[in-house]
Amino acid sequence: MKLETLRSVLGRSDIYLIDQLMKGLYRSSDCILDAGCGNGRHIDLFYRLNIEIHGIDMNPVSILKCQERYATIAHRIQQGGLIEMPYEDGAFDHIISSAVFHFARSKDHFVRMFSEHIRVLKSRGSLFIRMTTKFGLKPDLLVDIGDGVYRLPDGTNRFLMTYDLIDQVCDQYNIQLLETIKTVNVKDRRAMGVLLFEKR
């Protein structure tokens, strides 16, 4: 395969998402939701592979651009929040949430979003999350704002995933981690973690 062909298929997708694709997690018969899809960075990958992909995001400008870019599946891309999503219980085989959960305003807000993701996920389905984490950074680099939100060295305020919170959601929603957590330290300015859960 030519490098240009590979780039045209993989596009701008997260390397860890591509990793799961190569491992066989996502199949041609699956129905996938990109929750917080933005301008369609991850929709592009599944669209090119002809895998049924849906997208939802609160930003009307991003959604309009996404619908225009993927006109043939525009009906699957809609504006909406992630606490009350307009989907039936167990609607999706897999859900992707990349750089979304760290915008939670509090632990309660995080749990409400997480609960909704689990609701629309099928049994044995997977939830891919990429977000900022508390682990991976030295504690003295973080300023605790309260209720799970921290000021990071990059100047942003983010809700951070913790080991305790992982244990809590696994127990509360009967889910499990499918793989070891991966964390990337970005020049001690933030730590980005990748978590892959399975709904039991």
N, C-alpha and C. Protein backbone atom coordinates (compact mmCIF):
# COMPACT_ATOMS: atom_id res chain seq x y z
N MET A 1 0.84 -1.19 0.00
CA MET A 1 0.00 0.00 0.00
C MET A 1 0.88 1.24 0.00
N LYS A 2 0.52 2.22 -0.80
CA LYS A 2 1.26 3.46 -0.86
C LYS A 2 1.01 4.30 0.39
N LEU A 3 2.02 5.07 0.78
CA LEU A 3 1.91 5.91 1.97
C LEU A 3 0.77 6.90 1.83
N GLU A 4 0.58 7.44 0.64
CA GLU A 4 -0.50 8.41 0.41
C GLU A 4 -1.86 7.77 0.63
N THR A 5 -2.00 6.51 0.22
CA THR A 5 -3.26 5.79 0.41
C THR A 5 -3.53 5.57 1.89
N LEU A 6 -2.49 5.17 2.62
CA LEU A 6 -2.63 4.96 4.06
C LEU A 6 -3.04 6.24 4.76
N ARG A 7 -2.41 7.33 4.40
CA ARG A 7 -2.73 8.62 5.01
C ARG A 7 -4.16 9.05 4.69
N SER A 8 -4.60 8.75 3.48
CA SER A 8 -5.96 9.15 3.08
C SER A 8 -7.02 8.39 3.86
N VAL A 9 -6.70 7.17 4.30
CA VAL A 9 -7.65 6.38 5.08
C VAL A 9 -7.59 6.76 6.56
N LEU A 10 -6.40 6.83 7.10
CA LEU A 10 -6.24 7.08 8.54
C LEU A 10 -6.50 8.53 8.91
N GLY A 11 -6.23 9.45 8.00
CA GLY A 11 -6.52 10.85 8.23
C GLY A 11 -5.89 11.39 9.50
N ARG A 12 -6.70 12.09 10.31
CA ARG A 12 -6.21 12.75 11.53
C ARG A 12 -6.60 12.01 12.80
N SER A 13 -6.96 10.74 12.67
CA SER A 13 -7.45 9.98 13.82
C SER A 13 -6.37 9.75 14.87
N ASP A 14 -6.81 9.64 16.10
CA ASP A 14 -5.94 9.38 17.23
C ASP A 14 -5.21 8.05 17.02
N ILE A 15 -3.90 8.04 17.29
CA ILE A 15 -3.09 6.83 17.10
C ILE A 15 -3.61 5.67 17.95
N TYR A 16 -4.15 5.98 19.13
CA TYR A 16 -4.65 4.92 19.99
C TYR A 16 -5.96 4.34 19.48
N LEU A 17 -6.72 5.14 18.77
CA LEU A 17 -7.94 4.66 18.13
C LEU A 17 -7.58 3.76 16.94
N ILE A 18 -6.59 4.18 16.19
CA ILE A 18 -6.10 3.36 15.08
C ILE A 18 -5.57 2.03 15.61
N ASP A 19 -4.91 2.08 16.76
CA ASP A 19 -4.40 0.87 17.40
C ASP A 19 -5.53 -0.12 17.66
N GLN A 20 -6.67 0.35 18.17
CA GLN A 20 -7.80 -0.52 18.43
C GLN A 20 -8.40 -1.07 17.14
N LEU A 21 -8.41 -0.26 16.11
CA LEU A 21 -8.89 -0.71 14.82
C LEU A 21 -8.02 -1.84 14.29
N MET A 22 -6.70 -1.68 14.40
CA MET A 22 -5.78 -2.69 13.91
C MET A 22 -5.86 -3.98 14.73
N LYS A 23 -6.24 -3.86 15.99
CA LYS A 23 -6.39 -5.05 16.85
C LYS A 23 -7.71 -5.77 16.61
N GLY A 24 -8.58 -5.18 15.80
CA GLY A 24 -9.83 -5.85 15.46
C GLY A 24 -11.01 -5.51 16.35
N LEU A 25 -10.88 -4.46 17.16
CA LEU A 25 -12.00 -4.10 18.03
C LEU A 25 -13.22 -3.65 17.23
N TYR A 26 -12.98 -2.87 16.18
CA TYR A 26 -14.07 -2.33 15.37
C TYR A 26 -14.22 -3.15 14.09
N ARG A 27 -15.47 -3.58 13.84
CA ARG A 27 -15.75 -4.43 12.68
C ARG A 27 -16.72 -3.74 11.74
N SER A 28 -16.79 -4.24 10.52
CA SER A 28 -17.61 -3.61 9.48
C SER A 28 -19.09 -3.62 9.82
N SER A 29 -19.52 -4.56 10.67
CA SER A 29 -20.94 -4.67 11.03
C SER A 29 -21.33 -3.82 12.23
N ASP A 30 -20.37 -3.11 12.82
CA ASP A 30 -20.62 -2.36 14.05
C ASP A 30 -21.32 -1.03 13.79
N CYS A 31 -21.95 -0.55 14.86
CA CYS A 31 -22.56 0.77 14.89
C CYS A 31 -21.84 1.57 15.98
N ILE A 32 -21.22 2.68 15.59
CA ILE A 32 -20.33 3.41 16.48
C ILE A 32 -20.82 4.85 16.67
N LEU A 33 -20.66 5.36 17.90
CA LEU A 33 -20.98 6.75 18.19
C LEU A 33 -19.72 7.51 18.54
N ASP A 34 -19.51 8.64 17.89
CA ASP A 34 -18.46 9.58 18.28
C ASP A 34 -19.14 10.66 19.12
N ALA A 35 -19.00 10.54 20.43
CA ALA A 35 -19.67 11.45 21.36
C ALA A 35 -18.77 12.66 21.62
N GLY A 36 -19.22 13.83 21.16
CA GLY A 36 -18.38 15.01 21.20
C GLY A 36 -17.51 15.02 19.95
N CYS A 37 -18.16 14.82 18.81
CA CYS A 37 -17.45 14.58 17.55
C CYS A 37 -16.75 15.80 16.97
N GLY A 38 -17.13 16.99 17.42
CA GLY A 38 -16.50 18.20 16.89
C GLY A 38 -16.64 18.30 15.39
N ASN A 39 -15.54 18.51 14.71
CA ASN A 39 -15.59 18.68 13.25
C ASN A 39 -15.45 17.36 12.49
N GLY A 40 -15.48 16.24 13.20
CA GLY A 40 -15.49 14.94 12.53
C GLY A 40 -14.15 14.27 12.37
N ARG A 41 -13.21 14.64 13.21
CA ARG A 41 -11.87 14.06 13.11
C ARG A 41 -11.89 12.53 13.10
N HIS A 42 -12.71 11.94 13.98
CA HIS A 42 -12.75 10.47 14.06
C HIS A 42 -13.85 9.88 13.19
N ILE A 43 -14.84 10.67 12.87
CA ILE A 43 -15.87 10.20 11.95
C ILE A 43 -15.23 9.83 10.61
N ASP A 44 -14.26 10.61 10.21
CA ASP A 44 -13.62 10.42 8.91
C ASP A 44 -13.07 9.01 8.73
N LEU A 45 -12.41 8.48 9.75
CA LEU A 45 -11.82 7.15 9.67
C LEU A 45 -12.87 6.08 9.38
N PHE A 46 -13.94 6.08 10.16
CA PHE A 46 -14.96 5.04 10.00
C PHE A 46 -15.80 5.25 8.74
N TYR A 47 -15.98 6.49 8.38
CA TYR A 47 -16.70 6.82 7.14
C TYR A 47 -15.96 6.24 5.94
N ARG A 48 -14.65 6.42 5.90
CA ARG A 48 -13.85 5.90 4.79
C ARG A 48 -13.84 4.37 4.77
N LEU A 49 -13.98 3.75 5.95
CA LEU A 49 -13.98 2.28 6.03
C LEU A 49 -15.38 1.70 5.88
N ASN A 50 -16.36 2.58 5.65
CA ASN A 50 -17.75 2.15 5.46
C ASN A 50 -18.32 1.42 6.68
N ILE A 51 -17.93 1.90 7.86
CA ILE A 51 -18.48 1.40 9.12
C ILE A 51 -19.50 2.42 9.61
N GLU A 52 -20.66 1.95 10.05
CA GLU A 52 -21.73 2.88 10.45
C GLU A 52 -21.28 3.73 11.63
N ILE A 53 -21.20 5.02 11.39
CA ILE A 53 -20.73 5.96 12.41
C ILE A 53 -21.76 7.06 12.60
N HIS A 54 -21.99 7.41 13.87
CA HIS A 54 -22.89 8.50 14.24
C HIS A 54 -22.07 9.52 15.02
N GLY A 55 -22.51 10.76 15.02
CA GLY A 55 -21.81 11.79 15.77
C GLY A 55 -22.77 12.74 16.45
N ILE A 56 -22.36 13.22 17.62
CA ILE A 56 -23.15 14.21 18.35
C ILE A 56 -22.19 15.18 19.02
N ASP A 57 -22.57 16.47 19.01
CA ASP A 57 -21.73 17.50 19.62
C ASP A 57 -22.62 18.70 19.91
N MET A 58 -22.26 19.47 20.94
CA MET A 58 -23.06 20.63 21.32
C MET A 58 -22.82 21.84 20.41
N ASN A 59 -21.68 21.87 19.73
CA ASN A 59 -21.30 23.04 18.94
C ASN A 59 -22.01 23.04 17.59
N PRO A 60 -22.95 23.97 17.36
CA PRO A 60 -23.71 23.97 16.11
C PRO A 60 -22.87 24.24 14.87
N VAL A 61 -21.81 25.04 15.02
CA VAL A 61 -20.93 25.34 13.88
C VAL A 61 -20.17 24.08 13.46
N SER A 62 -19.64 23.36 14.44
CA SER A 62 -18.92 22.12 14.15
C SER A 62 -19.83 21.09 13.51
N ILE A 63 -21.05 20.99 14.02
CA ILE A 63 -22.00 20.00 13.49
C ILE A 63 -22.37 20.34 12.05
N LEU A 64 -22.60 21.61 11.77
CA LEU A 64 -22.94 22.01 10.40
C LEU A 64 -21.81 21.67 9.44
N LYS A 65 -20.58 21.97 9.83
CA LYS A 65 -19.43 21.64 8.99
C LYS A 65 -19.31 20.14 8.79
N CYS A 66 -19.55 19.41 9.85
CA CYS A 66 -19.47 17.95 9.80
C CYS A 66 -20.55 17.38 8.87
N GLN A 67 -21.75 17.90 8.97
CA GLN A 67 -22.84 17.43 8.12
C GLN A 67 -22.57 17.74 6.65
N GLU A 68 -21.96 18.90 6.40
CA GLU A 68 -21.62 19.27 5.02
C GLU A 68 -20.51 18.37 4.48
N ARG A 69 -19.55 18.07 5.32
CA ARG A 69 -18.42 17.24 4.89
C ARG A 69 -18.86 15.80 4.61
N TYR A 70 -19.79 15.30 5.42
CA TYR A 70 -20.26 13.92 5.27
C TYR A 70 -21.75 13.93 4.94
N ALA A 71 -22.07 14.51 3.82
CA ALA A 71 -23.47 14.76 3.44
C ALA A 71 -24.29 13.49 3.35
N THR A 72 -23.68 12.38 2.93
CA THR A 72 -24.44 11.15 2.76
C THR A 72 -24.87 10.53 4.09
N ILE A 73 -24.22 10.93 5.18
CA ILE A 73 -24.64 10.42 6.50
C ILE A 73 -24.99 11.58 7.43
N ALA A 74 -25.36 12.72 6.85
CA ALA A 74 -25.67 13.91 7.65
C ALA A 74 -26.77 13.64 8.67
N HIS A 75 -27.69 12.72 8.35
CA HIS A 75 -28.79 12.40 9.27
C HIS A 75 -28.30 11.69 10.53
N ARG A 76 -27.08 11.18 10.50
CA ARG A 76 -26.52 10.49 11.67
C ARG A 76 -25.68 11.43 12.54
N ILE A 77 -25.54 12.68 12.11
CA ILE A 77 -24.71 13.64 12.83
C ILE A 77 -25.61 14.76 13.33
N GLN A 78 -25.67 14.95 14.64
CA GLN A 78 -26.61 15.91 15.18
C GLN A 78 -26.07 16.70 16.35
N GLN A 79 -26.68 17.85 16.54
CA GLN A 79 -26.31 18.70 17.67
C GLN A 79 -27.05 18.21 18.91
N GLY A 80 -26.32 18.16 20.01
CA GLY A 80 -26.94 17.74 21.27
C GLY A 80 -25.92 17.59 22.37
N GLY A 81 -26.42 17.56 23.60
CA GLY A 81 -25.57 17.39 24.77
C GLY A 81 -25.31 15.93 25.07
N LEU A 82 -24.39 15.68 26.00
CA LEU A 82 -23.99 14.31 26.31
C LEU A 82 -24.58 13.79 27.61
N ILE A 83 -25.42 14.59 28.24
CA ILE A 83 -26.07 14.13 29.47
C ILE A 83 -27.42 13.48 29.16
N GLU A 84 -28.11 13.97 28.14
CA GLU A 84 -29.36 13.35 27.70
C GLU A 84 -29.28 13.17 26.18
N MET A 85 -28.66 12.08 25.75
CA MET A 85 -28.49 11.86 24.32
C MET A 85 -29.75 11.25 23.71
N PRO A 86 -30.08 11.62 22.48
CA PRO A 86 -31.34 11.19 21.85
C PRO A 86 -31.25 9.80 21.22
N TYR A 87 -30.74 8.83 21.99
CA TYR A 87 -30.59 7.47 21.48
C TYR A 87 -31.24 6.49 22.45
N GLU A 88 -31.64 5.35 21.90
CA GLU A 88 -32.24 4.30 22.73
C GLU A 88 -31.17 3.62 23.58
N ASP A 89 -31.60 2.95 24.63
CA ASP A 89 -30.69 2.15 25.45
C ASP A 89 -29.99 1.12 24.56
N GLY A 90 -28.69 0.97 24.76
CA GLY A 90 -27.95 -0.05 24.03
C GLY A 90 -27.92 0.14 22.53
N ALA A 91 -27.90 1.37 22.06
CA ALA A 91 -27.97 1.65 20.62
C ALA A 91 -26.65 1.37 19.89
N PHE A 92 -25.51 1.41 20.60
CA PHE A 92 -24.22 1.37 19.92
C PHE A 92 -23.33 0.23 20.39
N ASP A 93 -22.59 -0.33 19.43
CA ASP A 93 -21.61 -1.37 19.75
C ASP A 93 -20.38 -0.77 20.42
N HIS A 94 -20.05 0.44 20.01
CA HIS A 94 -18.87 1.12 20.55
C HIS A 94 -19.13 2.62 20.63
N ILE A 95 -18.50 3.26 21.61
CA ILE A 95 -18.56 4.71 21.74
C ILE A 95 -17.14 5.25 21.86
N ILE A 96 -16.89 6.34 21.15
CA ILE A 96 -15.60 7.03 21.20
C ILE A 96 -15.83 8.38 21.86
N SER A 97 -15.02 8.69 22.85
CA SER A 97 -15.09 9.99 23.51
C SER A 97 -13.67 10.51 23.66
N SER A 98 -13.24 11.32 22.72
CA SER A 98 -11.86 11.81 22.70
C SER A 98 -11.81 13.28 23.06
N ALA A 99 -11.09 13.57 24.15
CA ALA A 99 -10.91 14.95 24.63
C ALA A 99 -12.24 15.63 24.92
N VAL A 100 -13.11 14.92 25.62
CA VAL A 100 -14.45 15.44 25.96
C VAL A 100 -14.67 15.46 27.47
N PHE A 101 -14.44 14.32 28.13
CA PHE A 101 -14.75 14.21 29.55
C PHE A 101 -13.97 15.18 30.43
N HIS A 102 -12.80 15.62 29.98
CA HIS A 102 -12.04 16.54 30.85
C HIS A 102 -12.64 17.95 30.87
N PHE A 103 -13.73 18.16 30.12
CA PHE A 103 -14.45 19.43 30.22
C PHE A 103 -15.59 19.37 31.25
N ALA A 104 -15.70 18.25 31.95
CA ALA A 104 -16.70 18.15 33.02
C ALA A 104 -16.45 19.24 34.05
N ARG A 105 -17.52 19.83 34.55
CA ARG A 105 -17.40 20.95 35.49
C ARG A 105 -17.26 20.50 36.93
N SER A 106 -17.58 19.23 37.20
CA SER A 106 -17.52 18.69 38.55
C SER A 106 -17.58 17.17 38.46
N LYS A 107 -17.40 16.52 39.59
CA LYS A 107 -17.49 15.06 39.60
C LYS A 107 -18.90 14.61 39.25
N ASP A 108 -19.91 15.32 39.75
CA ASP A 108 -21.29 14.98 39.43
C ASP A 108 -21.57 15.11 37.93
N HIS A 109 -21.06 16.18 37.34
CA HIS A 109 -21.22 16.39 35.90
C HIS A 109 -20.55 15.25 35.12
N PHE A 110 -19.35 14.85 35.54
CA PHE A 110 -18.65 13.74 34.90
C PHE A 110 -19.47 12.46 34.99
N VAL A 111 -19.96 12.15 36.19
CA VAL A 111 -20.71 10.91 36.40
C VAL A 111 -21.99 10.90 35.58
N ARG A 112 -22.65 12.04 35.47
CA ARG A 112 -23.88 12.10 34.66
C ARG A 112 -23.59 11.85 33.19
N MET A 113 -22.51 12.41 32.67
CA MET A 113 -22.12 12.14 31.29
C MET A 113 -21.72 10.67 31.11
N PHE A 114 -20.95 10.17 32.04
CA PHE A 114 -20.47 8.78 31.95
C PHE A 114 -21.65 7.82 31.97
N SER A 115 -22.60 8.07 32.86
CA SER A 115 -23.79 7.23 32.97
C SER A 115 -24.56 7.17 31.66
N GLU A 116 -24.66 8.31 31.00
CA GLU A 116 -25.39 8.37 29.73
C GLU A 116 -24.66 7.60 28.63
N HIS A 117 -23.35 7.66 28.63
CA HIS A 117 -22.57 6.87 27.67
C HIS A 117 -22.83 5.37 27.88
N ILE A 118 -22.83 4.95 29.12
CA ILE A 118 -23.06 3.54 29.42
C ILE A 118 -24.48 3.13 29.04
N ARG A 119 -25.44 4.02 29.23
CA ARG A 119 -26.83 3.71 28.89
C ARG A 119 -27.00 3.38 27.41
N VAL A 120 -26.37 4.15 26.54
CA VAL A 120 -26.58 3.95 25.10
C VAL A 120 -25.61 2.93 24.51
N LEU A 121 -24.79 2.32 25.35
CA LEU A 121 -23.82 1.31 24.91
C LEU A 121 -24.40 -0.09 25.08
N LYS A 122 -24.22 -0.93 24.08
CA LYS A 122 -24.69 -2.31 24.16
C LYS A 122 -23.88 -3.10 25.17
N SER A 123 -24.47 -4.17 25.67
CA SER A 123 -23.74 -5.10 26.51
C SER A 123 -22.59 -5.69 25.70
N ARG A 124 -21.43 -5.78 26.30
CA ARG A 124 -20.18 -6.23 25.68
C ARG A 124 -19.60 -5.18 24.74
N GLY A 125 -20.20 -3.99 24.72
CA GLY A 125 -19.68 -2.92 23.89
C GLY A 125 -18.52 -2.21 24.57
N SER A 126 -17.77 -1.42 23.81
CA SER A 126 -16.60 -0.73 24.36
C SER A 126 -16.79 0.78 24.38
N LEU A 127 -16.15 1.39 25.37
CA LEU A 127 -16.12 2.84 25.51
C LEU A 127 -14.67 3.29 25.52
N PHE A 128 -14.27 4.00 24.46
CA PHE A 128 -12.91 4.52 24.32
C PHE A 128 -12.90 5.95 24.83
N ILE A 129 -12.05 6.22 25.81
CA ILE A 129 -11.95 7.58 26.38
C ILE A 129 -10.51 8.05 26.32
N ARG A 130 -10.34 9.27 25.84
CA ARG A 130 -9.05 9.96 25.91
C ARG A 130 -9.30 11.27 26.64
N MET A 131 -8.59 11.49 27.75
CA MET A 131 -8.82 12.68 28.55
C MET A 131 -7.61 12.96 29.44
N THR A 132 -7.60 14.13 30.07
CA THR A 132 -6.54 14.47 31.00
C THR A 132 -6.66 13.62 32.26
N THR A 133 -5.50 13.30 32.83
CA THR A 133 -5.47 12.45 34.03
C THR A 133 -4.64 13.10 35.12
N LYS A 134 -4.94 12.71 36.34
CA LYS A 134 -4.13 13.18 37.47
C LYS A 134 -2.83 12.39 37.55
N PHE A 135 -2.90 11.11 37.22
CA PHE A 135 -1.68 10.31 37.19
C PHE A 135 -0.90 10.64 35.91
N GLY A 136 0.40 10.68 36.05
CA GLY A 136 1.24 11.06 34.91
C GLY A 136 1.86 12.43 35.09
N LEU A 137 1.38 13.18 36.08
CA LEU A 137 1.96 14.49 36.40
C LEU A 137 2.35 14.55 37.87
N LYS A 138 3.39 15.27 38.17
CA LYS A 138 3.78 15.45 39.56
C LYS A 138 2.68 16.25 40.29
N PRO A 139 2.27 15.80 41.47
CA PRO A 139 1.20 16.49 42.21
C PRO A 139 1.45 17.97 42.43
N ASP A 140 2.72 18.36 42.63
CA ASP A 140 3.00 19.78 42.91
C ASP A 140 2.84 20.68 41.69
N LEU A 141 2.56 20.07 40.51
CA LEU A 141 2.32 20.87 39.31
C LEU A 141 0.84 21.21 39.14
N LEU A 142 0.01 20.62 39.97
CA LEU A 142 -1.44 20.79 39.85
C LEU A 142 -1.99 21.71 40.93
N VAL A 143 -2.96 22.53 40.55
CA VAL A 143 -3.66 23.38 41.52
C VAL A 143 -5.09 22.86 41.62
N ASP A 144 -5.45 22.39 42.80
CA ASP A 144 -6.78 21.82 43.03
C ASP A 144 -7.81 22.94 43.12
N ILE A 145 -8.67 23.04 42.10
CA ILE A 145 -9.73 24.05 42.10
C ILE A 145 -10.94 23.54 42.88
N GLY A 146 -11.12 22.22 42.87
CA GLY A 146 -12.21 21.63 43.63
C GLY A 146 -13.11 20.75 42.78
N ASP A 147 -13.68 19.71 43.42
CA ASP A 147 -14.66 18.83 42.80
C ASP A 147 -14.12 18.12 41.55
N GLY A 148 -12.84 17.76 41.60
CA GLY A 148 -12.23 17.00 40.51
C GLY A 148 -11.59 17.83 39.43
N VAL A 149 -11.70 19.17 39.53
CA VAL A 149 -11.15 20.07 38.51
C VAL A 149 -9.82 20.66 39.02
N TYR A 150 -8.83 20.71 38.12
CA TYR A 150 -7.51 21.20 38.48
C TYR A 150 -7.02 22.22 37.44
N ARG A 151 -6.21 23.17 37.91
CA ARG A 151 -5.49 24.06 37.00
C ARG A 151 -4.20 23.34 36.61
N LEU A 152 -4.00 23.16 35.31
CA LEU A 152 -2.83 22.46 34.81
C LEU A 152 -1.70 23.44 34.51
N PRO A 153 -0.47 22.94 34.41
CA PRO A 153 0.65 23.80 34.07
C PRO A 153 0.51 24.51 32.72
N ASP A 154 -0.35 24.00 31.84
CA ASP A 154 -0.55 24.67 30.55
C ASP A 154 -1.53 25.84 30.66
N GLY A 155 -2.03 26.11 31.89
CA GLY A 155 -2.90 27.25 32.12
C GLY A 155 -4.39 26.96 32.00
N THR A 156 -4.75 25.73 31.64
CA THR A 156 -6.16 25.37 31.48
C THR A 156 -6.70 24.72 32.75
N ASN A 157 -8.02 24.78 32.90
CA ASN A 157 -8.70 24.07 33.98
C ASN A 157 -9.34 22.82 33.38
N ARG A 158 -9.04 21.66 33.96
CA ARG A 158 -9.55 20.40 33.42
C ARG A 158 -9.99 19.47 34.55
N PHE A 159 -11.04 18.71 34.27
CA PHE A 159 -11.42 17.61 35.16
C PHE A 159 -10.44 16.48 34.89
N LEU A 160 -9.89 15.90 35.96
CA LEU A 160 -8.86 14.87 35.80
C LEU A 160 -9.36 13.50 36.22
N MET A 161 -9.06 12.51 35.39
CA MET A 161 -9.35 11.13 35.73
C MET A 161 -8.35 10.68 36.79
N THR A 162 -8.84 9.90 37.77
CA THR A 162 -7.99 9.35 38.83
C THR A 162 -8.21 7.85 38.92
N TYR A 163 -7.29 7.17 39.58
CA TYR A 163 -7.46 5.72 39.77
C TYR A 163 -8.70 5.43 40.61
N ASP A 164 -8.95 6.25 41.61
CA ASP A 164 -10.13 6.05 42.46
C ASP A 164 -11.42 6.18 41.64
N LEU A 165 -11.45 7.15 40.73
CA LEU A 165 -12.64 7.34 39.91
C LEU A 165 -12.84 6.17 38.95
N ILE A 166 -11.76 5.64 38.43
CA ILE A 166 -11.86 4.44 37.58
C ILE A 166 -12.49 3.29 38.36
N ASP A 167 -12.01 3.07 39.57
CA ASP A 167 -12.57 2.00 40.42
C ASP A 167 -14.05 2.25 40.68
N GLN A 168 -14.40 3.50 40.93
CA GLN A 168 -15.79 3.83 41.23
C GLN A 168 -16.72 3.53 40.06
N VAL A 169 -16.36 3.98 38.86
CA VAL A 169 -17.25 3.77 37.72
C VAL A 169 -17.30 2.30 37.32
N CYS A 170 -16.20 1.58 37.50
CA CYS A 170 -16.22 0.15 37.19
C CYS A 170 -17.20 -0.58 38.09
N ASP A 171 -17.20 -0.25 39.37
CA ASP A 171 -18.13 -0.87 40.32
C ASP A 171 -19.57 -0.41 40.09
N GLN A 172 -19.74 0.89 39.88
CA GLN A 172 -21.08 1.47 39.77
C GLN A 172 -21.81 1.03 38.51
N TYR A 173 -21.09 0.87 37.40
CA TYR A 173 -21.73 0.58 36.12
C TYR A 173 -21.44 -0.81 35.57
N ASN A 174 -20.82 -1.65 36.40
CA ASN A 174 -20.53 -3.03 36.00
C ASN A 174 -19.76 -3.06 34.68
N ILE A 175 -18.68 -2.31 34.65
CA ILE A 175 -17.81 -2.28 33.48
C ILE A 175 -16.41 -2.68 33.91
N GLN A 176 -15.56 -2.96 32.92
CA GLN A 176 -14.18 -3.32 33.23
C GLN A 176 -13.24 -2.73 32.20
N LEU A 177 -12.00 -2.53 32.60
CA LEU A 177 -10.99 -2.07 31.66
C LEU A 177 -10.57 -3.23 30.78
N LEU A 178 -10.53 -3.00 29.48
CA LEU A 178 -10.12 -4.04 28.54
C LEU A 178 -8.60 -4.08 28.38
N GLU A 179 -7.95 -2.96 28.63
CA GLU A 179 -6.50 -2.87 28.47
C GLU A 179 -5.90 -2.04 29.59
N THR A 180 -4.61 -2.17 29.75
CA THR A 180 -3.88 -1.34 30.70
C THR A 180 -4.01 0.13 30.27
N ILE A 181 -4.17 1.00 31.24
CA ILE A 181 -4.30 2.43 30.96
C ILE A 181 -2.99 2.96 30.37
N LYS A 182 -3.11 3.76 29.33
CA LYS A 182 -1.94 4.39 28.73
C LYS A 182 -1.98 5.89 29.04
N THR A 183 -0.84 6.45 29.43
CA THR A 183 -0.78 7.88 29.74
C THR A 183 0.44 8.50 29.06
N VAL A 184 0.23 9.65 28.45
CA VAL A 184 1.32 10.38 27.81
C VAL A 184 1.50 11.71 28.55
N ASN A 185 2.70 11.95 29.02
CA ASN A 185 3.04 13.21 29.66
C ASN A 185 3.48 14.19 28.58
N VAL A 186 2.78 15.31 28.47
CA VAL A 186 3.09 16.31 27.44
C VAL A 186 3.92 17.43 28.07
N LYS A 187 5.22 17.22 28.12
CA LYS A 187 6.18 18.23 28.62
C LYS A 187 5.83 18.76 30.01
N ASP A 188 5.28 17.89 30.86
CA ASP A 188 4.88 18.28 32.22
C ASP A 188 3.85 19.40 32.24
N ARG A 189 3.16 19.59 31.12
CA ARG A 189 2.11 20.60 31.06
C ARG A 189 0.73 19.97 31.23
N ARG A 190 0.58 18.71 30.82
CA ARG A 190 -0.63 17.95 31.04
C ARG A 190 -0.32 16.48 30.78
N ALA A 191 -1.16 15.61 31.29
CA ALA A 191 -1.03 14.17 31.03
C ALA A 191 -2.33 13.70 30.39
N MET A 192 -2.22 13.04 29.24
CA MET A 192 -3.39 12.55 28.51
C MET A 192 -3.44 11.04 28.62
N GLY A 193 -4.57 10.55 29.13
CA GLY A 193 -4.73 9.11 29.31
C GLY A 193 -5.70 8.52 28.31
N VAL A 194 -5.49 7.25 27.99
CA VAL A 194 -6.39 6.49 27.13
C VAL A 194 -6.92 5.32 27.92
N LEU A 195 -8.25 5.24 28.01
CA LEU A 195 -8.91 4.17 28.75
C LEU A 195 -9.90 3.47 27.83
N LEU A 196 -9.94 2.16 27.90
CA LEU A 196 -10.86 1.37 27.10
C LEU A 196 -11.66 0.48 28.04
N PHE A 197 -12.97 0.79 28.16
CA PHE A 197 -13.85 0.03 29.04
C PHE A 197 -14.75 -0.90 28.22
N GLU A 198 -15.18 -1.98 28.86
CA GLU A 198 -16.17 -2.86 28.27
C GLU A 198 -17.37 -2.95 29.21
N LYS A 199 -18.57 -2.85 28.66
CA LYS A 199 -19.78 -2.99 29.43
C LYS A 199 -20.08 -4.47 29.60
N ARG A 200 -20.20 -4.92 30.82
CA ARG A 200 -20.44 -6.35 31.07
C ARG A 200 -21.87 -6.73 30.79
